Amino acid sequence: MAEPKLSKDVYNVKSDDNSDTKEHIYLEETFYILSKKKSVFRVRLTSRGLSLIKETDDSSKEQTILLRDIIGSKCMRSKRRRVGARSCICSSLVGHPQLKVVDENSGDLDENDISAYLYIYAYNLKRSRRSLKRERTTITLRFRSYDKYEDNNREAQKWRTTIKCLLADQPISYTLPQNDKKLLILLNPKSGPGKARELFQTKVAPILQEADTPYDLHVTKYAQYAREFVRTRNVYAWRGIVAVGGDGVLFEILNGMFERLDWHQALSEVPLAILPCGSGNGLARTICHHFK
C-alpha cells in the first residue's frame, strides 16, 4: 500500500452561485484486492464523505458514501482459525465473506495475521417508488503495509479517529473525541403488538453499538412511568431522550418535561427522539412527513 496522504484541498464542484467550492481531503490510501490482482481501490476520506474509486486495467468506477450517512467505525483483528483452515493473510481485502474478526482486545486473536481491519458503518438513503429507506453498508479496509500489527493498527486508528472527529464536528486530532453522556432510552414493552423490546434489541441496539453510542435503557413498568421519570430525574445527565414505543410514551415524556420548573431549559438542551414501535405510529409519520 502507498503511504497515506494527509490534508489537502481540491476544487470539486460548483455551488448554486457558480463559485468554486473546496473538498478537503483528510486521508488517502490505495488498497489492493488480492483475489483480483488487477483491481485496486483508491479510498479518500474527505469533508464530503468516503470516496471509493475502483480501478482496473480498462475502467474506473467511483462511489461516494456521504459523511452524513456514516454512523461510526471500529478497528478489528482477524479471529484465530481452527486447525486446517486457510490463513487469512492471503484472503481478499475488502468485504471477504469468509473473514472472521474480533475486537482488538479479544483473547481469540490470530497472532499470525499482522493486518488491522477497519470497519466503517453507513446507512445509505435509497429511494423507491413508494418510500425512502436506509440500507446498511459496511466497508472493510485492511491495513498491512508494515511488518508489525502495531504499526498497521496505528494507521487504521488514524482513519477511525479522523472519521469520529468529522462525525462529532470537532477538530481533527490523534485522540478520539469523548462524550461521557449516554442516551436515555424509555421503552414501553406493551406498545403496539408488544414487540418494542424485541425490535429495539434486534434493530436499534446493533446500530447504537456500531455508532459507539452508550445508552441507559429503562423499561416502563406502569402507566405514566415515563412522565414521572423525566419530571423527577436530572435529565441533563443524558445527551438525549429516546422514546421507544407508540405515540403514548412520547406524550408522557413531553408532559413530564412541561411539568418541570425548568421546562424551558430542559426542552432547549435535551433533544427528544422517537423510535416508532406502536400500531399506527401516527406522530412519527407526521414528523417524518413534516421534515421530509
C-alpha atoms as a PDB file:
ATOM      1  CA  MET A   1       0.000   0.000   0.000  1.00  0.00           C
ATOM      2  CA  ALA A   2       1.040   3.568  -0.510  1.00  0.00           C
ATOM      3  CA  GLU A   3       1.676   5.864   2.404  1.00  0.00           C
ATOM      4  CA  PRO A   4      -1.458   7.786   3.443  1.00  0.00           C
ATOM      5  CA  LYS A   5      -1.627  11.338   2.150  1.00  0.00           C
ATOM      6  CA  LEU A   6      -2.873  13.888   4.635  1.00  0.00           C
ATOM      7  CA  SER A   7      -4.817  17.129   4.396  1.00  0.00           C
ATOM      8  CA  LYS A   8      -5.034  18.742   1.016  1.00  0.00           C
ATOM      9  CA  ASP A   9      -7.716  20.716  -0.780  1.00  0.00           C
ATOM     10  CA  VAL A  10      -9.102  20.041  -4.225  1.00  0.00           C
ATOM     11  CA  TYR A  11     -11.600  22.057  -6.222  1.00  0.00           C
ATOM     12  CA  ASN A  12     -14.538  19.777  -6.738  1.00  0.00           C
ATOM     13  CA  VAL A  13     -17.986  21.066  -7.636  1.00  0.00           C
ATOM     14  CA  LYS A  14     -19.803  24.247  -8.480  1.00  0.00           C
ATOM     15  CA  SER A  15     -22.200  25.659  -5.941  1.00  0.00           C
ATOM     16  CA  ASP A  16     -25.510  27.317  -6.776  1.00  0.00           C
ATOM     17  CA  ASP A  17     -23.887  30.731  -7.073  1.00  0.00           C
ATOM     18  CA  ASN A  18     -21.344  29.338  -9.597  1.00  0.00           C
ATOM     19  CA  SER A  19     -18.410  29.828  -7.208  1.00  0.00           C
ATOM     20  CA  ASP A  20     -15.805  27.109  -6.714  1.00  0.00           C
ATOM     21  CA  THR A  21     -16.093  25.105  -3.505  1.00  0.00           C
ATOM     22  CA  LYS A  22     -13.287  23.110  -1.921  1.00  0.00           C
ATOM     23  CA  GLU A  23     -13.475  19.498  -0.856  1.00  0.00           C
ATOM     24  CA  HIS A  24     -10.874  18.852   1.817  1.00  0.00           C
ATOM     25  CA  ILE A  25      -9.049  15.507   1.635  1.00  0.00           C
ATOM     26  CA  TYR A  26      -8.016  14.296   5.084  1.00  0.00           C
ATOM     27  CA  LEU A  27      -6.700  10.818   4.248  1.00  0.00           C
ATOM     28  CA  GLU A  28      -5.977   8.918   1.062  1.00  0.00           C
ATOM     29  CA  GLU A  29      -4.798   5.349   0.545  1.00  0.00           C
ATOM     30  CA  THR A  30      -4.630   2.622  -2.103  1.00  0.00           C
ATOM     31  CA  PHE A  31      -5.952  -0.849  -1.284  1.00  0.00           C
ATOM     32  CA  TYR A  32      -5.414  -3.952  -3.379  1.00  0.00           C
ATOM     33  CA  ILE A  33      -7.929  -6.768  -3.836  1.00  0.00           C
ATOM     34  CA  LEU A  34      -5.764  -9.853  -3.548  1.00  0.00           C
ATOM     35  CA  SER A  35      -8.312 -12.126  -5.217  1.00  0.00           C
ATOM     36  CA  LYS A  36      -8.319  -9.794  -8.240  1.00  0.00           C
ATOM     37  CA  LYS A  37      -4.731  -8.729  -8.738  1.00  0.00           C
ATOM     38  CA  LYS A  38      -5.554  -6.213 -11.445  1.00  0.00           C
ATOM     39  CA  SER A  39      -8.108  -4.343  -9.317  1.00  0.00           C
ATOM     40  CA  VAL A  40      -7.363  -1.644  -6.774  1.00  0.00           C
ATOM     41  CA  PHE A  41      -9.451   0.661  -4.633  1.00  0.00           C
ATOM     42  CA  ARG A  42      -8.319   4.239  -4.127  1.00  0.00           C
ATOM     43  CA  VAL A  43     -10.010   5.401  -0.954  1.00  0.00           C
ATOM     44  CA  ARG A  44     -10.290   9.021   0.127  1.00  0.00           C
ATOM     45  CA  LEU A  45     -11.735  10.424   3.334  1.00  0.00           C
ATOM     46  CA  THR A  46     -12.916  13.936   2.551  1.00  0.00           C
ATOM     47  CA  SER A  47     -15.078  16.651   4.040  1.00  0.00           C
ATOM     48  CA  ARG A  48     -17.899  15.255   1.884  1.00  0.00           C
ATOM     49  CA  GLY A  49     -17.556  11.604   2.833  1.00  0.00           C
ATOM     50  CA  LEU A  50     -15.787   8.396   1.863  1.00  0.00           C
ATOM     51  CA  SER A  51     -14.823   8.159  -1.799  1.00  0.00           C
ATOM     52  CA  LEU A  52     -14.208   4.656  -3.199  1.00  0.00           C
ATOM     53  CA  ILE A  53     -12.628   4.550  -6.655  1.00  0.00           C
ATOM     54  CA  LYS A  54     -12.334   1.057  -8.133  1.00  0.00           C
ATOM     55  CA  GLU A  55      -9.730   0.902 -10.882  1.00  0.00           C
ATOM     56  CA  THR A  56      -8.988  -1.902 -13.315  1.00  0.00           C
ATOM     57  CA  ASP A  57      -6.871  -2.009 -16.461  1.00  0.00           C
ATOM     58  CA  ASP A  58      -9.664  -0.683 -18.648  1.00  0.00           C
ATOM     59  CA  SER A  59     -12.158   1.081 -16.384  1.00  0.00           C
ATOM     60  CA  SER A  60     -12.689   3.207 -13.311  1.00  0.00           C
ATOM     61  CA  LYS A  61     -15.807   3.411 -11.139  1.00  0.00           C
ATOM     62  CA  GLU A  62     -16.377   5.783  -8.224  1.00  0.00           C
ATOM     63  CA  GLN A  63     -18.805   5.566  -5.327  1.00  0.00           C
ATOM     64  CA  THR A  64     -19.174   8.141  -2.566  1.00  0.00           C
ATOM     65  CA  ILE A  65     -20.663   7.422   0.837  1.00  0.00           C
ATOM     66  CA  LEU A  66     -21.770  10.744   2.267  1.00  0.00           C
ATOM     67  CA  LEU A  67     -20.455  11.721   5.673  1.00  0.00           C
ATOM     68  CA  ARG A  68     -23.983  12.256   6.976  1.00  0.00           C
ATOM     69  CA  ASP A  69     -24.780   8.594   6.208  1.00  0.00           C
ATOM     70  CA  ILE A  70     -21.775   7.223   8.146  1.00  0.00           C
ATOM     71  CA  ILE A  71     -22.571   6.409  11.771  1.00  0.00           C
ATOM     72  CA  GLY A  72     -19.285   5.015  13.066  1.00  0.00           C
ATOM     73  CA  SER A  73     -16.263   2.770  12.641  1.00  0.00           C
ATOM     74  CA  LYS A  74     -14.347   0.142  14.569  1.00  0.00           C
ATOM     75  CA  CYS A  75     -10.859  -1.393  14.438  1.00  0.00           C
ATOM     76  CA  MET A  76     -10.784  -5.197  14.470  1.00  0.00           C
ATOM     77  CA  ARG A  77      -8.347  -8.112  14.211  1.00  0.00           C
ATOM     78  CA  SER A  78      -8.777 -11.445  12.499  1.00  0.00           C
ATOM     79  CA  LYS A  79     -10.066 -14.286  14.624  1.00  0.00           C
ATOM     80  CA  ARG A  80      -7.954 -17.326  15.404  1.00  0.00           C
ATOM     81  CA  ARG A  81      -8.792 -20.029  12.886  1.00  0.00           C
ATOM     82  CA  ARG A  82      -9.307 -23.671  13.641  1.00  0.00           C
ATOM     83  CA  VAL A  83      -6.601 -26.155  12.694  1.00  0.00           C
ATOM     84  CA  GLY A  84      -6.628 -26.860   8.963  1.00  0.00           C
ATOM     85  CA  ALA A  85      -8.393 -23.633   7.951  1.00  0.00           C
ATOM     86  CA  ARG A  86      -6.881 -21.294   5.377  1.00  0.00           C
ATOM     87  CA  SER A  87      -4.785 -18.432   6.632  1.00  0.00           C
ATOM     88  CA  CYS A  88      -6.463 -15.076   6.090  1.00  0.00           C
ATOM     89  CA  ILE A  89      -3.157 -13.385   5.222  1.00  0.00           C
ATOM     90  CA  CYS A  90      -3.817 -14.108   1.546  1.00  0.00           C
ATOM     91  CA  SER A  91      -7.562 -13.589   1.661  1.00  0.00           C
ATOM     92  CA  SER A  92      -9.446 -10.882  -0.159  1.00  0.00           C
ATOM     93  CA  LEU A  93      -9.068  -7.314   1.062  1.00  0.00           C
ATOM     94  CA  VAL A  94     -12.498  -5.715   1.088  1.00  0.00           C
ATOM     95  CA  GLY A  95     -15.642  -7.423   2.350  1.00  0.00           C
ATOM     96  CA  HIS A  96     -14.379 -11.006   2.138  1.00  0.00           C
ATOM     97  CA  PRO A  97     -17.330 -13.235   3.121  1.00  0.00           C
ATOM     98  CA  GLN A  98     -15.141 -15.766   4.998  1.00  0.00           C
ATOM     99  CA  LEU A  99     -13.308 -13.181   7.076  1.00  0.00           C
ATOM    100  CA  LYS A 100     -13.848 -13.650  10.808  1.00  0.00           C
ATOM    101  CA  VAL A 101     -12.857 -10.759  13.038  1.00  0.00           C
ATOM    102  CA  VAL A 102     -12.952  -9.994  16.737  1.00  0.00           C
ATOM    103  CA  ASP A 103     -12.395  -6.953  18.892  1.00  0.00           C
ATOM    104  CA  GLU A 104      -8.767  -5.872  19.051  1.00  0.00           C
ATOM    105  CA  ASN A 105      -8.720  -6.612  22.800  1.00  0.00           C
ATOM    106  CA  SER A 106     -10.133 -10.120  22.432  1.00  0.00           C
ATOM    107  CA  GLY A 107      -8.169 -13.138  23.582  1.00  0.00           C
ATOM    108  CA  ASP A 108      -9.175 -15.116  20.482  1.00  0.00           C
ATOM    109  CA  LEU A 109      -6.821 -13.409  18.021  1.00  0.00           C
ATOM    110  CA  ASP A 110      -4.951 -14.789  15.041  1.00  0.00           C
ATOM    111  CA  GLU A 111      -1.401 -13.838  16.013  1.00  0.00           C
ATOM    112  CA  ASN A 112      -0.148 -14.876  12.560  1.00  0.00           C
ATOM    113  CA  ASP A 113      -2.124 -12.124  10.846  1.00  0.00           C
ATOM    114  CA  ILE A 114      -0.417  -8.749  11.213  1.00  0.00           C
ATOM    115  CA  SER A 115      -3.281  -6.941   9.468  1.00  0.00           C
ATOM    116  CA  ALA A 116      -5.516  -4.358  11.103  1.00  0.00           C
ATOM    117  CA  TYR A 117      -9.095  -4.151   9.833  1.00  0.00           C
ATOM    118  CA  LEU A 118     -11.189  -1.000   9.852  1.00  0.00           C
ATOM    119  CA  TYR A 119     -14.945  -1.491   9.613  1.00  0.00           C
ATOM    120  CA  ILE A 120     -16.898   1.603   8.528  1.00  0.00           C
ATOM    121  CA  TYR A 121     -20.675   1.501   9.044  1.00  0.00           C
ATOM    122  CA  ALA A 122     -23.084   3.552   6.947  1.00  0.00           C
ATOM    123  CA  TYR A 123     -26.813   3.630   6.261  1.00  0.00           C
ATOM    124  CA  ASN A 124     -27.379   4.981   2.769  1.00  0.00           C
ATOM    125  CA  LEU A 125     -30.717   6.513   1.858  1.00  0.00           C
ATOM    126  CA  LYS A 126     -32.358   4.644  -1.015  1.00  0.00           C
ATOM    127  CA  ARG A 127     -35.396   5.920  -2.867  1.00  0.00           C
ATOM    128  CA  SER A 128     -38.052   3.588  -4.211  1.00  0.00           C
ATOM    129  CA  ARG A 129     -41.310   4.371  -5.948  1.00  0.00           C
ATOM    130  CA  ARG A 130     -43.267   4.473  -2.708  1.00  0.00           C
ATOM    131  CA  SER A 131     -40.845   5.375   0.056  1.00  0.00           C
ATOM    132  CA  LEU A 132     -37.374   6.204   1.272  1.00  0.00           C
ATOM    133  CA  LYS A 133     -35.401   3.520   3.054  1.00  0.00           C
ATOM    134  CA  ARG A 134     -31.928   3.300   4.544  1.00  0.00           C
ATOM    135  CA  GLU A 135     -29.776   0.312   3.670  1.00  0.00           C
ATOM    136  CA  ARG A 136     -26.862  -0.841   5.805  1.00  0.00           C
ATOM    137  CA  THR A 137     -23.448  -0.740   4.152  1.00  0.00           C
ATOM    138  CA  THR A 138     -20.209  -1.988   5.694  1.00  0.00           C
ATOM    139  CA  ILE A 139     -16.850  -1.024   4.209  1.00  0.00           C
ATOM    140  CA  THR A 140     -13.890  -3.157   5.322  1.00  0.00           C
ATOM    141  CA  LEU A 141     -10.385  -1.771   4.859  1.00  0.00           C
ATOM    142  CA  ARG A 142      -7.372  -3.981   5.538  1.00  0.00           C
ATOM    143  CA  PHE A 143      -4.137  -2.286   6.630  1.00  0.00           C
ATOM    144  CA  ARG A 144      -0.960  -4.355   6.247  1.00  0.00           C
ATOM    145  CA  SER A 145       1.737  -2.072   4.842  1.00  0.00           C
ATOM    146  CA  TYR A 146       4.031  -2.781   7.780  1.00  0.00           C
ATOM    147  CA  ASP A 147       5.632  -5.893   9.236  1.00  0.00           C
ATOM    148  CA  LYS A 148       4.080  -5.428  12.681  1.00  0.00           C
ATOM    149  CA  TYR A 149       0.451  -5.372  13.723  1.00  0.00           C
ATOM    150  CA  GLU A 150       1.053  -2.379  15.999  1.00  0.00           C
ATOM    151  CA  ASP A 151       2.138  -0.231  13.041  1.00  0.00           C
ATOM    152  CA  ASN A 152      -0.776  -1.345  10.871  1.00  0.00           C
ATOM    153  CA  ASN A 153      -3.189  -0.738  13.724  1.00  0.00           C
ATOM    154  CA  ARG A 154      -1.785   2.773  14.152  1.00  0.00           C
ATOM    155  CA  GLU A 155      -2.734   3.567  10.551  1.00  0.00           C
ATOM    156  CA  ALA A 156      -6.211   2.075  10.964  1.00  0.00           C
ATOM    157  CA  GLN A 157      -6.718   4.020  14.197  1.00  0.00           C
ATOM    158  CA  LYS A 158      -5.731   7.217  12.376  1.00  0.00           C
ATOM    159  CA  TRP A 159      -8.610   6.688   9.944  1.00  0.00           C
ATOM    160  CA  ARG A 160     -11.004   5.772  12.746  1.00  0.00           C
ATOM    161  CA  THR A 161     -10.087   8.841  14.798  1.00  0.00           C
ATOM    162  CA  THR A 162     -10.449  11.157  11.807  1.00  0.00           C
ATOM    163  CA  ILE A 163     -13.879   9.720  10.981  1.00  0.00           C
ATOM    164  CA  LYS A 164     -15.036  10.107  14.581  1.00  0.00           C
ATOM    165  CA  CYS A 165     -13.820  13.717  14.739  1.00  0.00           C
ATOM    166  CA  LEU A 166     -15.636  14.543  11.498  1.00  0.00           C
ATOM    167  CA  LEU A 167     -18.859  12.934  12.728  1.00  0.00           C
ATOM    168  CA  ALA A 168     -18.616  14.853  16.012  1.00  0.00           C
ATOM    169  CA  ASP A 169     -17.847  18.081  14.108  1.00  0.00           C
ATOM    170  CA  GLN A 170     -14.660  18.506  16.125  1.00  0.00           C
ATOM    171  CA  PRO A 171     -11.121  19.469  15.059  1.00  0.00           C
ATOM    172  CA  ILE A 172      -9.039  16.562  13.759  1.00  0.00           C
ATOM    173  CA  SER A 173      -6.763  15.189  16.479  1.00  0.00           C
ATOM    174  CA  TYR A 174      -4.934  11.973  17.327  1.00  0.00           C
ATOM    175  CA  THR A 175      -7.208  11.225  20.280  1.00  0.00           C
ATOM    176  CA  LEU A 176     -10.795  10.049  19.997  1.00  0.00           C
ATOM    177  CA  PRO A 177     -13.384  12.703  20.916  1.00  0.00           C
ATOM    178  CA  GLN A 178     -15.139  11.829  24.138  1.00  0.00           C
ATOM    179  CA  ASN A 179     -18.760  12.275  25.134  1.00  0.00           C
ATOM    180  CA  ASP A 180     -19.334  10.992  28.651  1.00  0.00           C
ATOM    181  CA  LYS A 181     -23.105  11.367  28.442  1.00  0.00           C
ATOM    182  CA  LYS A 182     -25.296   8.447  27.443  1.00  0.00           C
ATOM    183  CA  LEU A 183     -28.632   8.327  25.679  1.00  0.00           C
ATOM    184  CA  LEU A 184     -31.683   7.721  27.847  1.00  0.00           C
ATOM    185  CA  ILE A 185     -33.942   5.075  26.301  1.00  0.00           C
ATOM    186  CA  LEU A 186     -37.503   4.870  27.670  1.00  0.00           C
ATOM    187  CA  LEU A 187     -39.163   1.771  26.230  1.00  0.00           C
ATOM    188  CA  ASN A 188     -42.805   0.748  26.523  1.00  0.00           C
ATOM    189  CA  PRO A 189     -42.850  -3.064  26.136  1.00  0.00           C
ATOM    190  CA  LYS A 190     -46.626  -3.149  25.573  1.00  0.00           C
ATOM    191  CA  SER A 191     -46.704  -0.766  22.622  1.00  0.00           C
ATOM    192  CA  GLY A 192     -48.491  -1.968  19.512  1.00  0.00           C
ATOM    193  CA  PRO A 193     -48.184  -5.743  19.141  1.00  0.00           C
ATOM    194  CA  GLY A 194     -45.906  -5.911  22.193  1.00  0.00           C
ATOM    195  CA  LYS A 195     -42.678  -6.259  20.217  1.00  0.00           C
ATOM    196  CA  ALA A 196     -40.998  -2.973  21.156  1.00  0.00           C
ATOM    197  CA  ARG A 197     -38.338  -4.673  23.276  1.00  0.00           C
ATOM    198  CA  GLU A 198     -37.559  -7.224  20.555  1.00  0.00           C
ATOM    199  CA  LEU A 199     -37.363  -4.539  17.856  1.00  0.00           C
ATOM    200  CA  PHE A 200     -35.037  -2.447  19.978  1.00  0.00           C
ATOM    201  CA  GLN A 201     -32.685  -5.331  20.756  1.00  0.00           C
ATOM    202  CA  THR A 202     -32.568  -6.661  17.184  1.00  0.00           C
ATOM    203  CA  LYS A 203     -32.763  -3.458  15.118  1.00  0.00           C
ATOM    204  CA  VAL A 204     -31.687  -0.474  17.210  1.00  0.00           C
ATOM    205  CA  ALA A 205     -29.129  -1.759  19.720  1.00  0.00           C
ATOM    206  CA  PRO A 206     -26.757  -3.040  16.974  1.00  0.00           C
ATOM    207  CA  ILE A 207     -26.834   0.395  15.299  1.00  0.00           C
ATOM    208  CA  LEU A 208     -26.008   2.135  18.580  1.00  0.00           C
ATOM    209  CA  GLN A 209     -23.128  -0.292  19.059  1.00  0.00           C
ATOM    210  CA  GLU A 210     -21.795   0.420  15.563  1.00  0.00           C
ATOM    211  CA  ALA A 211     -22.048   4.144  16.290  1.00  0.00           C
ATOM    212  CA  ASP A 212     -20.200   3.630  19.596  1.00  0.00           C
ATOM    213  CA  THR A 213     -23.109   5.310  21.401  1.00  0.00           C
ATOM    214  CA  PRO A 214     -23.661   4.191  25.028  1.00  0.00           C
ATOM    215  CA  TYR A 215     -27.157   4.284  26.484  1.00  0.00           C
ATOM    216  CA  ASP A 216     -29.238   3.652  29.602  1.00  0.00           C
ATOM    217  CA  LEU A 217     -32.321   1.527  28.944  1.00  0.00           C
ATOM    218  CA  HIS A 218     -35.353   1.904  31.214  1.00  0.00           C
ATOM    219  CA  VAL A 219     -38.451  -0.189  30.549  1.00  0.00           C
ATOM    220  CA  THR A 220     -41.712   1.433  31.642  1.00  0.00           C
ATOM    221  CA  LYS A 221     -43.416  -0.541  34.424  1.00  0.00           C
ATOM    222  CA  TYR A 222     -46.807   1.157  34.664  1.00  0.00           C
ATOM    223  CA  ALA A 223     -48.898   3.937  33.149  1.00  0.00           C
ATOM    224  CA  GLN A 224     -47.276   7.409  33.365  1.00  0.00           C
ATOM    225  CA  TYR A 225     -43.909   5.856  34.287  1.00  0.00           C
ATOM    226  CA  ALA A 226     -42.049   7.862  31.632  1.00  0.00           C
ATOM    227  CA  ARG A 227     -43.861  11.051  32.673  1.00  0.00           C
ATOM    228  CA  GLU A 228     -42.829  10.662  36.298  1.00  0.00           C
ATOM    229  CA  PHE A 229     -39.289   9.634  35.329  1.00  0.00           C
ATOM    230  CA  VAL A 230     -38.424  12.748  33.309  1.00  0.00           C
ATOM    231  CA  ARG A 231     -40.224  15.053  35.739  1.00  0.00           C
ATOM    232  CA  THR A 232     -38.183  13.930  38.753  1.00  0.00           C
ATOM    233  CA  ARG A 233     -34.778  12.984  37.311  1.00  0.00           C
ATOM    234  CA  ASN A 234     -31.768  15.062  36.312  1.00  0.00           C
ATOM    235  CA  VAL A 235     -32.363  14.872  32.562  1.00  0.00           C
ATOM    236  CA  TYR A 236     -29.212  16.910  31.892  1.00  0.00           C
ATOM    237  CA  ALA A 237     -27.170  13.821  32.773  1.00  0.00           C
ATOM    238  CA  TRP A 238     -28.112  12.348  29.380  1.00  0.00           C
ATOM    239  CA  ARG A 239     -27.250  13.588  25.894  1.00  0.00           C
ATOM    240  CA  GLY A 240     -30.812  12.960  24.713  1.00  0.00           C
ATOM    241  CA  ILE A 241     -34.043  11.086  25.450  1.00  0.00           C
ATOM    242  CA  VAL A 242     -35.386   8.452  23.055  1.00  0.00           C
ATOM    243  CA  ALA A 243     -38.965   7.187  23.290  1.00  0.00           C
ATOM    244  CA  VAL A 244     -39.334   3.598  22.071  1.00  0.00           C
ATOM    245  CA  GLY A 245     -42.963   2.641  21.582  1.00  0.00           C
ATOM    246  CA  GLY A 246     -46.104   4.264  20.280  1.00  0.00           C
ATOM    247  CA  ASP A 247     -47.265   7.868  20.460  1.00  0.00           C
ATOM    248  CA  GLY A 248     -48.247   7.455  24.116  1.00  0.00           C
ATOM    249  CA  VAL A 249     -44.750   7.125  25.567  1.00  0.00           C
ATOM    250  CA  LEU A 250     -43.593  10.291  23.782  1.00  0.00           C
ATOM    251  CA  PHE A 251     -46.646  12.194  25.042  1.00  0.00           C
ATOM    252  CA  GLU A 252     -45.775  11.031  28.565  1.00  0.00           C
ATOM    253  CA  ILE A 253     -42.222  12.332  28.160  1.00  0.00           C
ATOM    254  CA  LEU A 254     -43.431  15.686  26.829  1.00  0.00           C
ATOM    255  CA  ASN A 255     -45.958  16.078  29.651  1.00  0.00           C
ATOM    256  CA  GLY A 256     -43.288  15.236  32.213  1.00  0.00           C
ATOM    257  CA  MET A 257     -40.891  17.780  30.719  1.00  0.00           C
ATOM    258  CA  PHE A 258     -43.525  20.534  30.742  1.00  0.00           C
ATOM    259  CA  GLU A 259     -44.287  19.805  34.407  1.00  0.00           C
ATOM    260  CA  ARG A 260     -40.706  20.629  35.418  1.00  0.00           C
ATOM    261  CA  LEU A 261     -39.931  24.060  36.838  1.00  0.00           C
ATOM    262  CA  ASP A 262     -37.039  24.293  34.371  1.00  0.00           C
ATOM    263  CA  TRP A 263     -39.102  23.003  31.445  1.00  0.00           C
ATOM    264  CA  HIS A 264     -37.913  25.675  29.018  1.00  0.00           C
ATOM    265  CA  GLN A 265     -34.232  24.972  29.675  1.00  0.00           C
ATOM    266  CA  ALA A 266     -34.762  21.201  29.649  1.00  0.00           C
ATOM    267  CA  LEU A 267     -36.542  21.231  26.293  1.00  0.00           C
ATOM    268  CA  SER A 268     -33.875  23.549  24.873  1.00  0.00           C
ATOM    269  CA  GLU A 269     -30.875  21.484  25.997  1.00  0.00           C
ATOM    270  CA  VAL A 270     -32.070  17.871  25.938  1.00  0.00           C
ATOM    271  CA  PRO A 271     -33.009  16.552  22.464  1.00  0.00           C
ATOM    272  CA  LEU A 272     -36.016  14.239  22.152  1.00  0.00           C
ATOM    273  CA  ALA A 273     -36.460  11.430  19.634  1.00  0.00           C
ATOM    274  CA  ILE A 274     -38.978   8.694  18.907  1.00  0.00           C
ATOM    275  CA  LEU A 275     -38.462   5.170  17.584  1.00  0.00           C
ATOM    276  CA  PRO A 276     -41.932   4.081  16.420  1.00  0.00           C
ATOM    277  CA  CYS A 277     -42.945   0.626  17.632  1.00  0.00           C
ATOM    278  CA  GLY A 278     -46.688   1.186  18.030  1.00  0.00           C
ATOM    279  CA  SER A 279     -49.688   0.122  15.987  1.00  0.00           C
ATOM    280  CA  GLY A 280     -50.233   3.212  13.846  1.00  0.00           C
ATOM    281  CA  ASN A 281     -47.238   5.428  14.682  1.00  0.00           C
ATOM    282  CA  GLY A 282     -49.175   8.484  13.528  1.00  0.00           C
ATOM    283  CA  LEU A 283     -46.992  11.012  15.343  1.00  0.00           C
ATOM    284  CA  ALA A 284     -43.740   9.580  13.970  1.00  0.00           C
ATOM    285  CA  ARG A 285     -45.195   9.536  10.451  1.00  0.00           C
ATOM    286  CA  THR A 286     -46.274  13.166  10.811  1.00  0.00           C
ATOM    287  CA  ILE A 287     -42.807  14.210  11.985  1.00  0.00           C
ATOM    288  CA  CYS A 288     -41.162  12.405   9.060  1.00  0.00           C
ATOM    289  CA  HIS A 289     -43.616  13.965   6.605  1.00  0.00           C
ATOM    290  CA  HIS A 290     -43.022  17.440   8.039  1.00  0.00           C
ATOM    291  CA  PHE A 291     -39.242  17.180   7.728  1.00  0.00           C
ATOM    292  CA  LYS A 292     -39.409  15.124   4.500  1.00  0.00           C
END
